[in-house]
């Protein structure tokens, strides 16, 4: 049985992918991994390569999604 938070996260990524496709983004890859790092979506739009971290939350009590991509996680991709 799959944990509910994993199902919720996958659903969030599906919604994000469909939203971006509808806006004209080209999705180049999903769940891309390198060593311990993982990027949910890699897209191309208006001549820019965009790395997308999707955060699915059931309530704001957990905090704003952007606070979960801290400097340590950003540095992981530099």
Protein backbone atom coordinates (compact mmCIF):
# COMPACT_ATOMS: atom_id res chain seq x y z
CA UNK A 1 0.00 0.00 0.00
CA UNK A 2 1.31 3.46 -0.92
CA UNK A 3 1.43 6.15 1.77
CA UNK A 4 -1.19 8.87 1.36
CA UNK A 5 1.41 11.67 1.32
CA UNK A 6 3.11 10.01 -1.67
CA UNK A 7 -0.20 9.79 -3.53
CA UNK A 8 -0.93 13.43 -2.69
CA UNK A 9 2.52 14.46 -3.91
CA UNK A 10 2.11 12.57 -7.18
CA UNK A 11 -1.29 14.18 -7.71
CA UNK A 12 0.25 17.60 -7.08
CA UNK A 13 2.97 16.94 -9.64
CA UNK A 14 0.35 15.82 -12.18
CA UNK A 15 -1.66 19.01 -11.62
CA UNK A 16 1.48 21.15 -11.95
CA UNK A 17 2.54 19.36 -15.16
CA UNK A 18 -0.91 19.82 -16.75
CA UNK A 19 -1.00 23.48 -15.69
CA UNK A 20 2.43 24.16 -17.20
CA UNK A 21 1.57 22.31 -20.43
CA UNK A 22 -1.62 24.38 -20.77
CA UNK A 23 0.50 27.55 -20.39
CA UNK A 24 2.80 26.44 -23.23
CA UNK A 25 5.73 25.02 -21.27
CA UNK A 26 7.59 22.05 -22.73
CA UNK A 27 8.17 19.43 -20.03
CA UNK A 28 11.61 17.94 -20.63
CA UNK A 29 11.79 15.54 -17.69
CA UNK A 30 10.00 14.47 -14.51
CA UNK A 31 11.49 13.24 -11.23
CA UNK A 32 15.02 13.72 -12.50
CA UNK A 33 17.63 12.38 -10.10
CA UNK A 34 21.33 12.88 -9.58
CA UNK A 35 22.93 11.30 -6.53
CA UNK A 36 20.69 12.42 -3.62
CA UNK A 37 19.10 15.31 -5.51
CA UNK A 38 15.70 15.08 -7.20
CA UNK A 39 13.90 17.68 -9.33
CA UNK A 40 10.17 17.20 -9.83
CA UNK A 41 9.87 18.85 -13.25
CA UNK A 42 12.29 20.30 -15.76
CA UNK A 43 10.66 22.56 -18.31
CA UNK A 44 11.55 24.89 -21.16
CA UNK A 45 9.63 28.11 -21.74
CA UNK A 46 10.49 31.30 -23.60
CA UNK A 47 14.09 30.21 -24.17
CA UNK A 48 14.59 29.45 -20.47
CA UNK A 49 15.35 26.18 -18.72
CA UNK A 50 13.22 25.98 -15.57
CA UNK A 51 13.58 23.63 -12.60
CA UNK A 52 10.33 23.11 -10.71
CA UNK A 53 9.92 21.79 -7.19
CA UNK A 54 6.28 20.87 -6.50
CA UNK A 55 5.00 21.04 -2.92
CA UNK A 56 1.52 19.66 -2.26
CA UNK A 57 0.01 20.62 1.06
CA UNK A 58 -3.46 19.98 2.48
CA UNK A 59 -3.26 23.05 4.72
CA UNK A 60 -1.16 26.18 5.10
CA UNK A 61 -0.35 25.16 8.69
CA UNK A 62 2.71 23.35 7.38
CA UNK A 63 4.08 26.64 6.05
CA UNK A 64 4.42 28.29 2.68
CA UNK A 65 5.78 25.97 -0.04
CA UNK A 66 8.68 28.26 -0.91
CA UNK A 67 10.08 27.90 2.61
CA UNK A 68 10.75 24.22 1.95
CA UNK A 69 13.30 24.98 -0.78
CA UNK A 70 15.95 26.40 1.49
CA UNK A 71 19.50 27.51 0.71
CA UNK A 72 20.85 24.01 1.45
CA UNK A 73 18.53 22.43 -1.11
CA UNK A 74 19.25 25.16 -3.67
CA UNK A 75 23.00 24.68 -3.20
CA UNK A 76 22.54 20.99 -3.94
CA UNK A 77 21.78 21.95 -7.55
CA UNK A 78 24.64 24.40 -8.08
